[in-house]
Amino acid sequence: MSENTAYSALLAQAKAGEVYLNDEAAAFHMYKACDDRLTVLREILGITRRTQNVSGFGDFQIGKDLEKKFLVQATGDPNSIDAVVMKDIEAVQQLREVFAISFKRLTSTDIENANAMDYLSEQVTP
């Protein structure tokens, strides 16, 4: 997809060091929230793939026409359900990267390392 959006502009600004979230905990939690949202969106994308197998409208021409209309709503159109979900996934991935950049800028630690450290501290804390 990779079209120019507000999120891609924000990501470009974050990569250039022009903008970042200035709260370490907020950046970390927003990154995790983006991960959770991506999980949900990927599940939705899986469900939308099932809508691409439309059938059961009968052998008449009107049934075939109806099948085609439903298929266009499912895929192959800029406003089809799969295209809309993919745009959302791309936007959330860009936001997640902005939060990762912010976290790294504040802590000099990659967020993946922070996740590991967070996990370890949870294991050690009584």
N, C-alpha and C. Protein backbone atom coordinates (compact mmCIF):
# COMPACT_ATOMS: atom_id res chain seq x y z
N MET A 1 0.83 -1.17 0.00
CA MET A 1 0.00 0.00 0.00
C MET A 1 0.89 1.25 0.00
N SER A 2 1.50 1.56 1.10
CA SER A 2 2.48 2.62 1.22
C SER A 2 2.11 3.92 0.51
N GLU A 3 0.95 4.43 0.80
CA GLU A 3 0.58 5.72 0.27
C GLU A 3 0.89 6.77 1.32
N ASN A 4 0.96 8.02 0.91
CA ASN A 4 1.25 9.09 1.85
C ASN A 4 0.01 9.39 2.67
N THR A 5 0.14 9.21 3.96
CA THR A 5 -0.95 9.48 4.90
C THR A 5 -0.40 10.34 6.03
N ALA A 6 -1.28 10.75 6.90
CA ALA A 6 -0.84 11.50 8.08
C ALA A 6 0.10 10.66 8.93
N TYR A 7 -0.15 9.34 8.97
CA TYR A 7 0.69 8.46 9.77
C TYR A 7 2.07 8.28 9.14
N SER A 8 2.13 8.19 7.83
CA SER A 8 3.44 8.07 7.18
C SER A 8 4.23 9.36 7.33
N ALA A 9 3.55 10.50 7.31
CA ALA A 9 4.23 11.79 7.53
C ALA A 9 4.75 11.87 8.97
N LEU A 10 3.95 11.42 9.92
CA LEU A 10 4.37 11.40 11.32
C LEU A 10 5.57 10.48 11.51
N LEU A 11 5.55 9.33 10.86
CA LEU A 11 6.67 8.40 10.96
C LEU A 11 7.93 9.02 10.37
N ALA A 12 7.80 9.70 9.25
CA ALA A 12 8.96 10.35 8.64
C ALA A 12 9.53 11.41 9.57
N GLN A 13 8.65 12.15 10.24
CA GLN A 13 9.10 13.16 11.19
C GLN A 13 9.80 12.52 12.39
N ALA A 14 9.27 11.40 12.84
CA ALA A 14 9.89 10.69 13.98
C ALA A 14 11.27 10.17 13.60
N LYS A 15 11.38 9.60 12.39
CA LYS A 15 12.68 9.09 11.93
C LYS A 15 13.69 10.21 11.80
N ALA A 16 13.22 11.41 11.44
CA ALA A 16 14.11 12.56 11.28
C ALA A 16 14.43 13.22 12.63
N GLY A 17 13.79 12.75 13.70
CA GLY A 17 14.05 13.31 15.02
C GLY A 17 13.28 14.59 15.29
N GLU A 18 12.31 14.90 14.45
CA GLU A 18 11.55 16.14 14.60
C GLU A 18 10.43 16.01 15.63
N VAL A 19 9.94 14.81 15.84
CA VAL A 19 8.82 14.61 16.75
C VAL A 19 8.98 13.27 17.46
N TYR A 20 8.64 13.25 18.74
CA TYR A 20 8.61 12.00 19.49
C TYR A 20 7.80 12.21 20.76
N LEU A 21 7.33 11.13 21.31
CA LEU A 21 6.59 11.16 22.56
C LEU A 21 7.62 11.29 23.68
N ASN A 22 7.43 12.24 24.58
CA ASN A 22 8.47 12.51 25.57
C ASN A 22 8.21 11.86 26.92
N ASP A 23 7.46 10.77 26.92
CA ASP A 23 7.19 10.04 28.15
C ASP A 23 7.48 8.56 27.88
N GLU A 24 8.48 8.04 28.57
CA GLU A 24 8.94 6.67 28.36
C GLU A 24 7.83 5.64 28.58
N ALA A 25 7.12 5.76 29.68
CA ALA A 25 6.06 4.80 30.00
C ALA A 25 4.93 4.89 28.96
N ALA A 26 4.59 6.09 28.58
CA ALA A 26 3.52 6.25 27.58
C ALA A 26 3.92 5.63 26.26
N ALA A 27 5.15 5.87 25.82
CA ALA A 27 5.63 5.30 24.56
C ALA A 27 5.59 3.78 24.61
N PHE A 28 6.03 3.21 25.73
CA PHE A 28 6.04 1.76 25.90
C PHE A 28 4.62 1.19 25.84
N HIS A 29 3.71 1.80 26.58
CA HIS A 29 2.34 1.29 26.63
C HIS A 29 1.60 1.50 25.31
N MET A 30 1.88 2.58 24.64
CA MET A 30 1.25 2.81 23.32
C MET A 30 1.76 1.79 22.31
N TYR A 31 3.04 1.46 22.39
CA TYR A 31 3.60 0.43 21.52
C TYR A 31 2.88 -0.90 21.76
N LYS A 32 2.70 -1.25 23.02
CA LYS A 32 2.01 -2.50 23.35
C LYS A 32 0.55 -2.46 22.89
N ALA A 33 -0.10 -1.30 23.01
CA ALA A 33 -1.48 -1.17 22.55
C ALA A 33 -1.56 -1.35 21.03
N CYS A 34 -0.56 -0.85 20.32
CA CYS A 34 -0.52 -1.04 18.87
C CYS A 34 -0.37 -2.52 18.54
N ASP A 35 0.45 -3.23 19.29
CA ASP A 35 0.61 -4.67 19.09
C ASP A 35 -0.73 -5.39 19.27
N ASP A 36 -1.44 -5.02 20.32
CA ASP A 36 -2.75 -5.64 20.58
C ASP A 36 -3.72 -5.35 19.43
N ARG A 37 -3.72 -4.12 18.97
CA ARG A 37 -4.62 -3.74 17.86
C ARG A 37 -4.25 -4.49 16.59
N LEU A 38 -2.96 -4.65 16.33
CA LEU A 38 -2.53 -5.39 15.13
C LEU A 38 -2.99 -6.84 15.19
N THR A 39 -2.97 -7.44 16.36
CA THR A 39 -3.45 -8.81 16.51
C THR A 39 -4.92 -8.90 16.12
N VAL A 40 -5.71 -7.96 16.60
CA VAL A 40 -7.15 -7.94 16.29
C VAL A 40 -7.37 -7.69 14.80
N LEU A 41 -6.66 -6.74 14.23
CA LEU A 41 -6.83 -6.44 12.81
C LEU A 41 -6.44 -7.61 11.93
N ARG A 42 -5.42 -8.34 12.32
CA ARG A 42 -5.02 -9.52 11.53
C ARG A 42 -6.08 -10.62 11.62
N GLU A 43 -6.71 -10.74 12.77
CA GLU A 43 -7.82 -11.70 12.89
C GLU A 43 -8.98 -11.28 11.99
N ILE A 44 -9.29 -9.99 11.98
CA ILE A 44 -10.36 -9.47 11.12
C ILE A 44 -10.02 -9.72 9.66
N LEU A 45 -8.76 -9.51 9.29
CA LEU A 45 -8.34 -9.75 7.90
C LEU A 45 -8.57 -11.21 7.53
N GLY A 46 -8.29 -12.11 8.44
CA GLY A 46 -8.55 -13.53 8.18
C GLY A 46 -10.02 -13.80 7.94
N ILE A 47 -10.86 -13.14 8.71
CA ILE A 47 -12.31 -13.30 8.53
C ILE A 47 -12.75 -12.72 7.18
N THR A 48 -12.17 -11.58 6.81
CA THR A 48 -12.56 -10.96 5.54
C THR A 48 -12.18 -11.83 4.35
N ARG A 49 -11.15 -12.64 4.50
CA ARG A 49 -10.76 -13.51 3.39
C ARG A 49 -11.86 -14.53 3.08
N ARG A 50 -12.64 -14.88 4.10
CA ARG A 50 -13.74 -15.81 3.87
C ARG A 50 -14.86 -15.18 3.04
N THR A 51 -14.96 -13.85 3.06
CA THR A 51 -16.00 -13.19 2.28
C THR A 51 -15.70 -13.19 0.79
N GLN A 52 -14.50 -13.60 0.43
CA GLN A 52 -14.13 -13.63 -0.98
C GLN A 52 -14.65 -14.88 -1.69
N ASN A 53 -15.23 -15.79 -0.96
CA ASN A 53 -15.80 -17.02 -1.53
C ASN A 53 -17.32 -16.96 -1.42
N VAL A 54 -17.91 -16.08 -2.22
CA VAL A 54 -19.34 -15.87 -2.19
C VAL A 54 -20.01 -16.83 -3.18
N SER A 55 -21.04 -17.52 -2.71
CA SER A 55 -21.79 -18.41 -3.59
C SER A 55 -23.16 -18.67 -2.99
N GLY A 56 -23.98 -19.41 -3.73
CA GLY A 56 -25.27 -19.80 -3.20
C GLY A 56 -26.42 -18.92 -3.63
N PHE A 57 -26.22 -18.09 -4.64
CA PHE A 57 -27.29 -17.20 -5.10
C PHE A 57 -28.09 -17.79 -6.25
N GLY A 58 -27.78 -18.99 -6.64
CA GLY A 58 -28.53 -19.66 -7.69
C GLY A 58 -27.89 -19.54 -9.06
N ASP A 59 -28.52 -20.20 -10.03
CA ASP A 59 -27.97 -20.25 -11.39
C ASP A 59 -28.49 -19.15 -12.30
N PHE A 60 -29.47 -18.39 -11.86
CA PHE A 60 -30.00 -17.32 -12.70
C PHE A 60 -28.98 -16.18 -12.79
N GLN A 61 -29.09 -15.38 -13.83
CA GLN A 61 -28.16 -14.27 -14.07
C GLN A 61 -28.17 -13.28 -12.89
N ILE A 62 -29.33 -13.02 -12.34
CA ILE A 62 -29.41 -12.08 -11.22
C ILE A 62 -28.60 -12.60 -10.02
N GLY A 63 -28.59 -13.91 -9.81
CA GLY A 63 -27.78 -14.50 -8.75
C GLY A 63 -26.31 -14.33 -9.01
N LYS A 64 -25.90 -14.50 -10.26
CA LYS A 64 -24.48 -14.31 -10.63
C LYS A 64 -24.08 -12.85 -10.48
N ASP A 65 -25.00 -11.94 -10.86
CA ASP A 65 -24.71 -10.50 -10.72
C ASP A 65 -24.56 -10.12 -9.24
N LEU A 66 -25.44 -10.67 -8.43
CA LEU A 66 -25.38 -10.40 -6.99
C LEU A 66 -24.07 -10.93 -6.39
N GLU A 67 -23.66 -12.10 -6.82
CA GLU A 67 -22.39 -12.68 -6.37
C GLU A 67 -21.22 -11.76 -6.71
N LYS A 68 -21.22 -11.20 -7.91
CA LYS A 68 -20.14 -10.28 -8.33
C LYS A 68 -20.14 -9.03 -7.46
N LYS A 69 -21.32 -8.49 -7.16
CA LYS A 69 -21.40 -7.29 -6.33
C LYS A 69 -20.82 -7.53 -4.93
N PHE A 70 -21.17 -8.67 -4.35
CA PHE A 70 -20.64 -9.00 -3.03
C PHE A 70 -19.12 -9.21 -3.09
N LEU A 71 -18.64 -9.81 -4.15
CA LEU A 71 -17.21 -10.04 -4.29
C LEU A 71 -16.44 -8.72 -4.38
N VAL A 72 -16.98 -7.73 -5.08
CA VAL A 72 -16.33 -6.42 -5.18
C VAL A 72 -16.27 -5.76 -3.82
N GLN A 73 -17.30 -5.96 -3.00
CA GLN A 73 -17.27 -5.41 -1.64
C GLN A 73 -16.24 -6.11 -0.77
N ALA A 74 -15.94 -7.35 -1.10
CA ALA A 74 -14.99 -8.13 -0.30
C ALA A 74 -13.55 -7.84 -0.70
N THR A 75 -13.28 -7.68 -1.99
CA THR A 75 -11.89 -7.53 -2.45
C THR A 75 -11.86 -6.90 -3.84
N GLY A 76 -10.72 -6.31 -4.17
CA GLY A 76 -10.51 -5.81 -5.51
C GLY A 76 -10.93 -4.37 -5.75
N ASP A 77 -11.39 -3.71 -4.72
CA ASP A 77 -11.83 -2.32 -4.83
C ASP A 77 -11.13 -1.52 -3.74
N PRO A 78 -10.79 -0.25 -3.99
CA PRO A 78 -10.13 0.54 -2.94
C PRO A 78 -10.94 0.64 -1.64
N ASN A 79 -12.25 0.51 -1.74
CA ASN A 79 -13.10 0.57 -0.54
C ASN A 79 -13.61 -0.80 -0.10
N SER A 80 -13.04 -1.86 -0.65
CA SER A 80 -13.44 -3.20 -0.24
C SER A 80 -12.96 -3.45 1.18
N ILE A 81 -13.59 -4.42 1.83
CA ILE A 81 -13.29 -4.67 3.24
C ILE A 81 -11.83 -5.07 3.46
N ASP A 82 -11.26 -5.85 2.56
CA ASP A 82 -9.86 -6.25 2.76
C ASP A 82 -8.92 -5.07 2.58
N ALA A 83 -9.22 -4.17 1.65
CA ALA A 83 -8.36 -2.99 1.45
C ALA A 83 -8.44 -2.04 2.64
N VAL A 84 -9.63 -1.88 3.19
CA VAL A 84 -9.80 -1.00 4.35
C VAL A 84 -9.05 -1.55 5.56
N VAL A 85 -9.16 -2.85 5.79
CA VAL A 85 -8.45 -3.46 6.92
C VAL A 85 -6.94 -3.36 6.72
N MET A 86 -6.46 -3.56 5.50
CA MET A 86 -5.02 -3.44 5.23
C MET A 86 -4.52 -2.02 5.46
N LYS A 87 -5.33 -1.02 5.11
CA LYS A 87 -4.95 0.38 5.39
C LYS A 87 -4.85 0.61 6.89
N ASP A 88 -5.79 0.05 7.65
CA ASP A 88 -5.74 0.18 9.10
C ASP A 88 -4.49 -0.49 9.67
N ILE A 89 -4.16 -1.66 9.17
CA ILE A 89 -2.96 -2.37 9.63
C ILE A 89 -1.72 -1.53 9.36
N GLU A 90 -1.64 -0.97 8.17
CA GLU A 90 -0.48 -0.14 7.83
C GLU A 90 -0.38 1.08 8.75
N ALA A 91 -1.50 1.72 9.03
CA ALA A 91 -1.50 2.89 9.90
C ALA A 91 -1.04 2.52 11.32
N VAL A 92 -1.54 1.43 11.85
CA VAL A 92 -1.15 1.01 13.21
C VAL A 92 0.33 0.62 13.25
N GLN A 93 0.82 -0.03 12.19
CA GLN A 93 2.24 -0.37 12.14
C GLN A 93 3.10 0.89 12.14
N GLN A 94 2.67 1.92 11.42
CA GLN A 94 3.43 3.17 11.39
C GLN A 94 3.41 3.84 12.75
N LEU A 95 2.25 3.86 13.40
CA LEU A 95 2.17 4.43 14.75
C LEU A 95 3.04 3.66 15.73
N ARG A 96 3.02 2.33 15.63
CA ARG A 96 3.84 1.51 16.51
C ARG A 96 5.32 1.86 16.34
N GLU A 97 5.73 2.08 15.10
CA GLU A 97 7.13 2.44 14.85
C GLU A 97 7.46 3.81 15.43
N VAL A 98 6.51 4.75 15.38
CA VAL A 98 6.73 6.06 15.99
C VAL A 98 6.96 5.90 17.49
N PHE A 99 6.15 5.07 18.14
CA PHE A 99 6.31 4.87 19.58
C PHE A 99 7.61 4.14 19.89
N ALA A 100 8.02 3.22 19.03
CA ALA A 100 9.29 2.53 19.23
C ALA A 100 10.46 3.50 19.12
N ILE A 101 10.39 4.40 18.15
CA ILE A 101 11.43 5.42 17.99
C ILE A 101 11.47 6.32 19.21
N SER A 102 10.29 6.73 19.69
CA SER A 102 10.22 7.58 20.88
C SER A 102 10.84 6.88 22.09
N PHE A 103 10.49 5.62 22.27
CA PHE A 103 11.02 4.88 23.41
C PHE A 103 12.53 4.77 23.32
N LYS A 104 13.02 4.44 22.14
CA LYS A 104 14.47 4.30 21.98
C LYS A 104 15.18 5.63 22.20
N ARG A 105 14.59 6.70 21.73
CA ARG A 105 15.20 8.02 21.89
C ARG A 105 15.29 8.38 23.37
N LEU A 106 14.28 8.00 24.14
CA LEU A 106 14.26 8.34 25.56
C LEU A 106 15.14 7.43 26.41
N THR A 107 15.24 6.16 26.03
CA THR A 107 15.92 5.19 26.89
C THR A 107 17.20 4.63 26.29
N SER A 108 17.42 4.88 25.02
CA SER A 108 18.52 4.29 24.26
C SER A 108 18.42 2.76 24.25
N THR A 109 17.21 2.25 24.39
CA THR A 109 16.96 0.81 24.40
C THR A 109 15.88 0.49 23.38
N ASP A 110 16.11 -0.54 22.57
CA ASP A 110 15.07 -0.99 21.65
C ASP A 110 13.89 -1.50 22.45
N ILE A 111 12.72 -1.30 21.94
CA ILE A 111 11.52 -1.71 22.66
C ILE A 111 11.45 -3.23 22.82
N GLU A 112 12.03 -3.99 21.90
CA GLU A 112 12.05 -5.44 22.05
C GLU A 112 12.86 -5.84 23.27
N ASN A 113 13.99 -5.15 23.49
CA ASN A 113 14.78 -5.40 24.69
C ASN A 113 14.02 -5.00 25.94
N ALA A 114 13.28 -3.91 25.85
CA ALA A 114 12.49 -3.45 26.99
C ALA A 114 11.40 -4.45 27.32
N ASN A 115 10.80 -5.04 26.30
CA ASN A 115 9.78 -6.06 26.55
C ASN A 115 10.39 -7.23 27.30
N ALA A 116 11.59 -7.63 26.91
CA ALA A 116 12.27 -8.73 27.59
C ALA A 116 12.60 -8.34 29.03
N MET A 117 13.07 -7.11 29.22
CA MET A 117 13.39 -6.64 30.57
C MET A 117 12.13 -6.55 31.42
N ASP A 118 11.04 -6.07 30.83
CA ASP A 118 9.77 -5.97 31.54
C ASP A 118 9.31 -7.35 31.99
N TYR A 119 9.43 -8.32 31.09
CA TYR A 119 9.05 -9.69 31.40
C TYR A 119 9.91 -10.24 32.55
N LEU A 120 11.21 -10.01 32.47
CA LEU A 120 12.11 -10.51 33.50
C LEU A 120 11.82 -9.87 34.85
N SER A 121 11.55 -8.56 34.87
CA SER A 121 11.28 -7.90 36.13
C SER A 121 9.97 -8.41 36.74
N GLU A 122 8.99 -8.77 35.90
CA GLU A 122 7.76 -9.36 36.41
C GLU A 122 8.01 -10.72 37.04
N GLN A 123 8.98 -11.47 36.50
CA GLN A 123 9.29 -12.78 37.03
C GLN A 123 10.02 -12.71 38.36
N VAL A 124 10.80 -11.64 38.56
CA VAL A 124 11.61 -11.51 39.77
C VAL A 124 10.82 -10.86 40.89
N THR A 125 9.90 -9.98 40.58
CA THR A 125 9.13 -9.26 41.59
C THR A 125 8.22 -10.22 42.34
N PRO A 126 8.25 -10.17 43.68
CA PRO A 126 7.40 -11.09 44.47
C PRO A 126 5.94 -10.74 44.40
